[in-house]
Amino acid sequence: MRQEAGDYLNDYGYEIPIHILADKVSEICQLYTQHAYMRPLCVVSLLFAIDQEKGPQLIKIDPAGHFVGYKATSCGEKEQSAMNHLEREFKKAQVVTVDDTFKTSIKCLQNVNNFLTTSDS
C-alpha cells in the first residue's frame, strides 16, 4: 500500500484518494487468489482516511479482492458480536459527531471484551 501511495504521489503530485488505493490493493489481492502458490495476502485490511471532498472514509478489503465502504465495521475473532453492537448503535443515532464516534467505539470494545470474558469462563 505504501508503494502504491508513493507511486501515485510521484506521478500525480498529490496524495492518493482512499477509494483509488483500495481499488489498486483489491486488484492485487484478486490477482494473488488465482494462483495457489501466491497467497501471501490472507488478511482483511481496513483503510480509513479523511477525504477533502467526501469526508471520512472507511473501506474494508477482503483477501479475495472485494472492497466496500462502511460507516462502521469490524474484523477479527469477534467480528459478528462487534458488528451487531455497531448496527444497534448506528440505528439509534440520527447524526453522528466525532465525540459520538469515539464513545460508540469504546462501548463496542467494552461490549466485545465483556462478551469474551464471560464466554471464555
N, C-alpha and C. Protein backbone atom coordinates (compact mmCIF):
# COMPACT_ATOMS: atom_id res chain seq x y z
N MET A 1 0.83 -1.19 0.00
CA MET A 1 0.00 0.00 0.00
C MET A 1 0.87 1.26 0.00
N ARG A 2 1.94 1.20 0.78
CA ARG A 2 2.84 2.36 0.80
C ARG A 2 3.47 2.60 -0.57
N GLN A 3 3.84 1.51 -1.25
CA GLN A 3 4.43 1.63 -2.58
C GLN A 3 3.44 2.25 -3.56
N GLU A 4 2.20 1.77 -3.54
CA GLU A 4 1.17 2.31 -4.43
C GLU A 4 0.90 3.78 -4.13
N ALA A 5 0.83 4.13 -2.84
CA ALA A 5 0.59 5.52 -2.46
C ALA A 5 1.76 6.41 -2.86
N GLY A 6 2.97 5.92 -2.68
CA GLY A 6 4.15 6.69 -3.08
C GLY A 6 4.24 6.88 -4.58
N ASP A 7 3.94 5.83 -5.34
CA ASP A 7 3.93 5.94 -6.80
C ASP A 7 2.90 6.94 -7.28
N TYR A 8 1.72 6.91 -6.67
CA TYR A 8 0.66 7.84 -7.05
C TYR A 8 1.07 9.29 -6.76
N LEU A 9 1.65 9.51 -5.59
CA LEU A 9 2.12 10.85 -5.23
C LEU A 9 3.18 11.33 -6.20
N ASN A 10 4.09 10.44 -6.58
CA ASN A 10 5.15 10.79 -7.51
C ASN A 10 4.59 11.10 -8.91
N ASP A 11 3.59 10.33 -9.35
CA ASP A 11 3.04 10.51 -10.69
C ASP A 11 2.13 11.72 -10.80
N TYR A 12 1.27 11.95 -9.79
CA TYR A 12 0.24 12.96 -9.90
C TYR A 12 0.45 14.20 -9.03
N GLY A 13 1.37 14.13 -8.07
CA GLY A 13 1.70 15.31 -7.27
C GLY A 13 0.79 15.56 -6.09
N TYR A 14 -0.13 14.66 -5.79
CA TYR A 14 -0.96 14.79 -4.59
C TYR A 14 -1.25 13.41 -4.03
N GLU A 15 -1.71 13.39 -2.77
CA GLU A 15 -1.96 12.13 -2.07
C GLU A 15 -3.05 11.32 -2.77
N ILE A 16 -2.92 10.01 -2.72
CA ILE A 16 -3.88 9.13 -3.36
C ILE A 16 -5.20 9.12 -2.59
N PRO A 17 -6.33 9.27 -3.29
CA PRO A 17 -7.62 9.12 -2.61
C PRO A 17 -7.80 7.67 -2.15
N ILE A 18 -8.48 7.49 -1.04
CA ILE A 18 -8.58 6.16 -0.42
C ILE A 18 -9.30 5.17 -1.32
N HIS A 19 -10.31 5.60 -2.07
CA HIS A 19 -11.03 4.65 -2.92
C HIS A 19 -10.16 4.16 -4.08
N ILE A 20 -9.24 4.97 -4.54
CA ILE A 20 -8.31 4.53 -5.59
C ILE A 20 -7.28 3.56 -5.01
N LEU A 21 -6.78 3.85 -3.80
CA LEU A 21 -5.85 2.93 -3.15
C LEU A 21 -6.53 1.58 -2.88
N ALA A 22 -7.77 1.61 -2.40
CA ALA A 22 -8.50 0.37 -2.15
C ALA A 22 -8.69 -0.41 -3.44
N ASP A 23 -8.97 0.27 -4.54
CA ASP A 23 -9.14 -0.40 -5.82
C ASP A 23 -7.84 -1.06 -6.27
N LYS A 24 -6.73 -0.36 -6.15
CA LYS A 24 -5.43 -0.92 -6.55
C LYS A 24 -5.05 -2.12 -5.69
N VAL A 25 -5.24 -2.01 -4.38
CA VAL A 25 -4.90 -3.11 -3.47
C VAL A 25 -5.81 -4.31 -3.72
N SER A 26 -7.10 -4.06 -3.94
CA SER A 26 -8.02 -5.18 -4.18
C SER A 26 -7.71 -5.89 -5.49
N GLU A 27 -7.24 -5.17 -6.50
CA GLU A 27 -6.82 -5.81 -7.75
C GLU A 27 -5.63 -6.73 -7.52
N ILE A 28 -4.69 -6.29 -6.70
CA ILE A 28 -3.52 -7.12 -6.39
C ILE A 28 -3.95 -8.36 -5.61
N CYS A 29 -4.83 -8.18 -4.62
CA CYS A 29 -5.33 -9.31 -3.83
C CYS A 29 -6.04 -10.31 -4.73
N GLN A 30 -6.88 -9.82 -5.63
CA GLN A 30 -7.63 -10.70 -6.51
C GLN A 30 -6.69 -11.46 -7.45
N LEU A 31 -5.65 -10.80 -7.92
CA LEU A 31 -4.67 -11.46 -8.78
C LEU A 31 -3.99 -12.60 -8.03
N TYR A 32 -3.65 -12.38 -6.76
CA TYR A 32 -2.97 -13.41 -5.98
C TYR A 32 -3.87 -14.60 -5.66
N THR A 33 -5.20 -14.42 -5.65
CA THR A 33 -6.08 -15.55 -5.36
C THR A 33 -6.15 -16.53 -6.53
N GLN A 34 -5.70 -16.14 -7.70
CA GLN A 34 -5.79 -17.00 -8.87
C GLN A 34 -4.69 -18.07 -8.90
N HIS A 35 -3.68 -17.91 -8.08
CA HIS A 35 -2.57 -18.86 -8.04
C HIS A 35 -2.37 -19.35 -6.61
N ALA A 36 -2.41 -20.65 -6.42
CA ALA A 36 -2.29 -21.21 -5.07
C ALA A 36 -0.95 -20.91 -4.42
N TYR A 37 0.10 -20.80 -5.20
CA TYR A 37 1.42 -20.55 -4.64
C TYR A 37 1.66 -19.07 -4.34
N MET A 38 0.71 -18.20 -4.67
CA MET A 38 0.88 -16.76 -4.44
C MET A 38 -0.21 -16.22 -3.52
N ARG A 39 -0.33 -16.75 -2.32
CA ARG A 39 -1.38 -16.30 -1.40
C ARG A 39 -0.81 -15.65 -0.15
N PRO A 40 0.04 -14.66 -0.29
CA PRO A 40 0.59 -14.02 0.90
C PRO A 40 -0.37 -13.02 1.55
N LEU A 41 -1.37 -12.57 0.81
CA LEU A 41 -2.27 -11.54 1.32
C LEU A 41 -3.54 -12.17 1.89
N CYS A 42 -3.41 -12.86 2.99
CA CYS A 42 -4.54 -13.56 3.61
C CYS A 42 -5.06 -12.82 4.82
N VAL A 43 -5.19 -11.52 4.71
CA VAL A 43 -5.70 -10.72 5.82
C VAL A 43 -6.77 -9.76 5.30
N VAL A 44 -7.66 -9.38 6.19
CA VAL A 44 -8.63 -8.34 5.89
C VAL A 44 -7.99 -7.01 6.23
N SER A 45 -8.08 -6.06 5.32
CA SER A 45 -7.50 -4.73 5.54
C SER A 45 -8.60 -3.71 5.75
N LEU A 46 -8.42 -2.86 6.74
CA LEU A 46 -9.32 -1.74 6.96
C LEU A 46 -8.55 -0.46 6.66
N LEU A 47 -9.06 0.33 5.75
CA LEU A 47 -8.44 1.61 5.40
C LEU A 47 -9.34 2.74 5.87
N PHE A 48 -8.75 3.72 6.50
CA PHE A 48 -9.51 4.88 6.96
C PHE A 48 -8.76 6.14 6.54
N ALA A 49 -9.48 7.09 6.02
CA ALA A 49 -8.88 8.37 5.64
C ALA A 49 -9.97 9.44 5.67
N ILE A 50 -9.52 10.68 5.74
CA ILE A 50 -10.44 11.80 5.66
C ILE A 50 -10.18 12.49 4.33
N ASP A 51 -11.10 12.30 3.42
CA ASP A 51 -11.00 12.86 2.07
C ASP A 51 -11.48 14.31 2.11
N GLN A 52 -10.83 15.18 1.37
CA GLN A 52 -11.21 16.60 1.38
C GLN A 52 -12.57 16.81 0.73
N GLU A 53 -12.92 15.99 -0.24
CA GLU A 53 -14.20 16.14 -0.93
C GLU A 53 -15.31 15.30 -0.32
N LYS A 54 -14.99 14.07 0.09
CA LYS A 54 -16.02 13.14 0.56
C LYS A 54 -16.11 13.01 2.06
N GLY A 55 -15.17 13.57 2.80
CA GLY A 55 -15.17 13.46 4.25
C GLY A 55 -14.55 12.15 4.71
N PRO A 56 -14.91 11.69 5.92
CA PRO A 56 -14.33 10.45 6.44
C PRO A 56 -14.72 9.24 5.59
N GLN A 57 -13.76 8.39 5.33
CA GLN A 57 -13.97 7.18 4.52
C GLN A 57 -13.42 5.96 5.26
N LEU A 58 -14.19 4.89 5.31
CA LEU A 58 -13.77 3.62 5.90
C LEU A 58 -14.04 2.53 4.88
N ILE A 59 -12.98 1.83 4.47
CA ILE A 59 -13.10 0.80 3.44
C ILE A 59 -12.49 -0.50 3.96
N LYS A 60 -13.20 -1.59 3.72
CA LYS A 60 -12.75 -2.92 4.12
C LYS A 60 -12.41 -3.72 2.86
N ILE A 61 -11.19 -4.29 2.83
CA ILE A 61 -10.74 -5.09 1.69
C ILE A 61 -10.55 -6.52 2.18
N ASP A 62 -11.20 -7.48 1.52
CA ASP A 62 -11.00 -8.87 1.91
C ASP A 62 -9.93 -9.52 1.02
N PRO A 63 -9.40 -10.66 1.43
CA PRO A 63 -8.30 -11.28 0.69
C PRO A 63 -8.65 -11.68 -0.75
N ALA A 64 -9.93 -11.86 -1.04
CA ALA A 64 -10.33 -12.25 -2.39
C ALA A 64 -10.31 -11.07 -3.36
N GLY A 65 -10.16 -9.84 -2.83
CA GLY A 65 -10.09 -8.67 -3.69
C GLY A 65 -11.35 -7.84 -3.72
N HIS A 66 -12.32 -8.14 -2.87
CA HIS A 66 -13.56 -7.36 -2.79
C HIS A 66 -13.37 -6.23 -1.79
N PHE A 67 -13.79 -5.02 -2.15
CA PHE A 67 -13.74 -3.92 -1.19
C PHE A 67 -15.05 -3.16 -1.20
N VAL A 68 -15.39 -2.64 -0.02
CA VAL A 68 -16.65 -1.92 0.14
C VAL A 68 -16.48 -0.89 1.25
N GLY A 69 -17.20 0.22 1.14
CA GLY A 69 -17.16 1.27 2.15
C GLY A 69 -18.20 1.04 3.24
N TYR A 70 -17.89 1.49 4.44
CA TYR A 70 -18.77 1.31 5.60
C TYR A 70 -18.84 2.59 6.41
N LYS A 71 -19.91 2.71 7.20
CA LYS A 71 -19.96 3.73 8.25
C LYS A 71 -19.22 3.22 9.47
N ALA A 72 -19.38 1.92 9.74
CA ALA A 72 -18.70 1.27 10.86
C ALA A 72 -18.56 -0.21 10.51
N THR A 73 -17.44 -0.79 10.86
CA THR A 73 -17.22 -2.20 10.60
C THR A 73 -16.20 -2.77 11.56
N SER A 74 -16.05 -4.06 11.54
CA SER A 74 -15.06 -4.72 12.39
C SER A 74 -14.53 -5.93 11.64
N CYS A 75 -13.47 -6.49 12.17
CA CYS A 75 -12.92 -7.73 11.63
C CYS A 75 -12.19 -8.44 12.75
N GLY A 76 -12.03 -9.72 12.60
CA GLY A 76 -11.31 -10.47 13.61
C GLY A 76 -12.16 -11.53 14.27
N GLU A 77 -11.68 -11.98 15.43
CA GLU A 77 -12.27 -13.12 16.12
C GLU A 77 -13.73 -12.90 16.51
N LYS A 78 -14.07 -11.77 17.04
CA LYS A 78 -15.43 -11.47 17.50
C LYS A 78 -16.10 -10.45 16.58
N GLU A 79 -15.89 -10.60 15.30
CA GLU A 79 -16.43 -9.67 14.32
C GLU A 79 -17.95 -9.58 14.38
N GLN A 80 -18.63 -10.71 14.46
CA GLN A 80 -20.08 -10.70 14.42
C GLN A 80 -20.68 -9.99 15.64
N SER A 81 -20.16 -10.22 16.82
CA SER A 81 -20.71 -9.56 18.01
C SER A 81 -20.43 -8.05 17.95
N ALA A 82 -19.27 -7.67 17.46
CA ALA A 82 -18.97 -6.24 17.31
C ALA A 82 -19.88 -5.59 16.26
N MET A 83 -20.11 -6.29 15.16
CA MET A 83 -20.99 -5.75 14.12
C MET A 83 -22.42 -5.60 14.62
N ASN A 84 -22.89 -6.57 15.39
CA ASN A 84 -24.24 -6.46 15.97
C ASN A 84 -24.35 -5.23 16.85
N HIS A 85 -23.34 -5.00 17.70
CA HIS A 85 -23.35 -3.84 18.59
C HIS A 85 -23.32 -2.55 17.77
N LEU A 86 -22.46 -2.48 16.77
CA LEU A 86 -22.36 -1.28 15.94
C LEU A 86 -23.66 -1.00 15.19
N GLU A 87 -24.30 -2.03 14.68
CA GLU A 87 -25.57 -1.85 13.98
C GLU A 87 -26.64 -1.28 14.91
N ARG A 88 -26.71 -1.81 16.13
CA ARG A 88 -27.68 -1.28 17.10
C ARG A 88 -27.41 0.19 17.40
N GLU A 89 -26.15 0.53 17.61
CA GLU A 89 -25.81 1.91 17.96
C GLU A 89 -26.08 2.87 16.81
N PHE A 90 -25.75 2.47 15.59
CA PHE A 90 -25.93 3.38 14.46
C PHE A 90 -27.38 3.48 14.00
N LYS A 91 -28.21 2.49 14.32
CA LYS A 91 -29.64 2.62 14.03
C LYS A 91 -30.28 3.67 14.91
N LYS A 92 -29.80 3.78 16.16
CA LYS A 92 -30.33 4.77 17.12
C LYS A 92 -29.92 6.19 16.74
N ALA A 93 -28.71 6.35 16.23
CA ALA A 93 -28.14 7.68 16.01
C ALA A 93 -28.69 8.32 14.73
N GLN A 94 -29.13 9.55 14.86
CA GLN A 94 -29.57 10.33 13.71
C GLN A 94 -28.39 11.05 13.07
N VAL A 95 -27.65 11.77 13.90
CA VAL A 95 -26.46 12.49 13.45
C VAL A 95 -25.30 12.00 14.30
N VAL A 96 -24.20 11.68 13.65
CA VAL A 96 -23.04 11.14 14.37
C VAL A 96 -21.92 12.19 14.35
N THR A 97 -21.50 12.58 15.56
CA THR A 97 -20.40 13.53 15.68
C THR A 97 -19.11 12.75 15.97
N VAL A 98 -18.00 13.45 16.00
CA VAL A 98 -16.72 12.81 16.30
C VAL A 98 -16.74 12.23 17.71
N ASP A 99 -17.28 13.01 18.67
CA ASP A 99 -17.36 12.52 20.05
C ASP A 99 -18.24 11.27 20.15
N ASP A 100 -19.37 11.28 19.43
CA ASP A 100 -20.25 10.10 19.43
C ASP A 100 -19.54 8.88 18.84
N THR A 101 -18.73 9.12 17.83
CA THR A 101 -17.99 8.02 17.20
C THR A 101 -17.01 7.40 18.19
N PHE A 102 -16.28 8.25 18.92
CA PHE A 102 -15.34 7.73 19.91
C PHE A 102 -16.07 6.96 21.02
N LYS A 103 -17.16 7.52 21.50
CA LYS A 103 -17.93 6.86 22.56
C LYS A 103 -18.48 5.51 22.08
N THR A 104 -19.01 5.49 20.86
CA THR A 104 -19.54 4.24 20.31
C THR A 104 -18.43 3.21 20.14
N SER A 105 -17.27 3.64 19.69
CA SER A 105 -16.13 2.72 19.52
C SER A 105 -15.71 2.11 20.85
N ILE A 106 -15.62 2.94 21.87
CA ILE A 106 -15.21 2.45 23.19
C ILE A 106 -16.26 1.51 23.76
N LYS A 107 -17.55 1.87 23.61
CA LYS A 107 -18.62 0.99 24.09
C LYS A 107 -18.59 -0.35 23.36
N CYS A 108 -18.31 -0.32 22.07
CA CYS A 108 -18.24 -1.56 21.29
C CYS A 108 -17.09 -2.44 21.78
N LEU A 109 -15.93 -1.84 22.00
CA LEU A 109 -14.79 -2.60 22.50
C LEU A 109 -15.07 -3.18 23.88
N GLN A 110 -15.72 -2.40 24.74
CA GLN A 110 -16.07 -2.90 26.07
C GLN A 110 -17.08 -4.03 25.98
N ASN A 111 -18.06 -3.89 25.10
CA ASN A 111 -19.08 -4.91 24.94
C ASN A 111 -18.45 -6.21 24.44
N VAL A 112 -17.60 -6.15 23.45
CA VAL A 112 -16.96 -7.34 22.91
C VAL A 112 -16.01 -7.93 23.94
N ASN A 113 -15.30 -7.09 24.68
CA ASN A 113 -14.39 -7.57 25.71
C ASN A 113 -15.17 -8.28 26.81
N ASN A 114 -16.30 -7.73 27.24
CA ASN A 114 -17.15 -8.39 28.24
C ASN A 114 -17.67 -9.71 27.71
N PHE A 115 -18.02 -9.75 26.45
CA PHE A 115 -18.51 -10.98 25.83
C PHE A 115 -17.39 -12.04 25.83
N LEU A 116 -16.16 -11.60 25.56
CA LEU A 116 -15.03 -12.53 25.56
C LEU A 116 -14.80 -13.12 26.93
N THR A 117 -14.81 -12.27 27.96
CA THR A 117 -14.51 -12.76 29.31
C THR A 117 -15.62 -13.65 29.85
N THR A 118 -16.89 -13.35 29.53
CA THR A 118 -17.97 -14.18 30.05
C THR A 118 -18.11 -15.49 29.27
N SER A 119 -17.81 -15.48 27.98
CA SER A 119 -17.96 -16.72 27.20
C SER A 119 -16.77 -17.65 27.41
N ASP A 120 -15.60 -17.12 27.77
CA ASP A 120 -14.43 -17.95 27.99
C ASP A 120 -14.44 -18.63 29.35
N SER A 121 -15.22 -18.10 30.28
CA SER A 121 -15.24 -18.66 31.65
C SER A 121 -15.99 -19.96 31.72
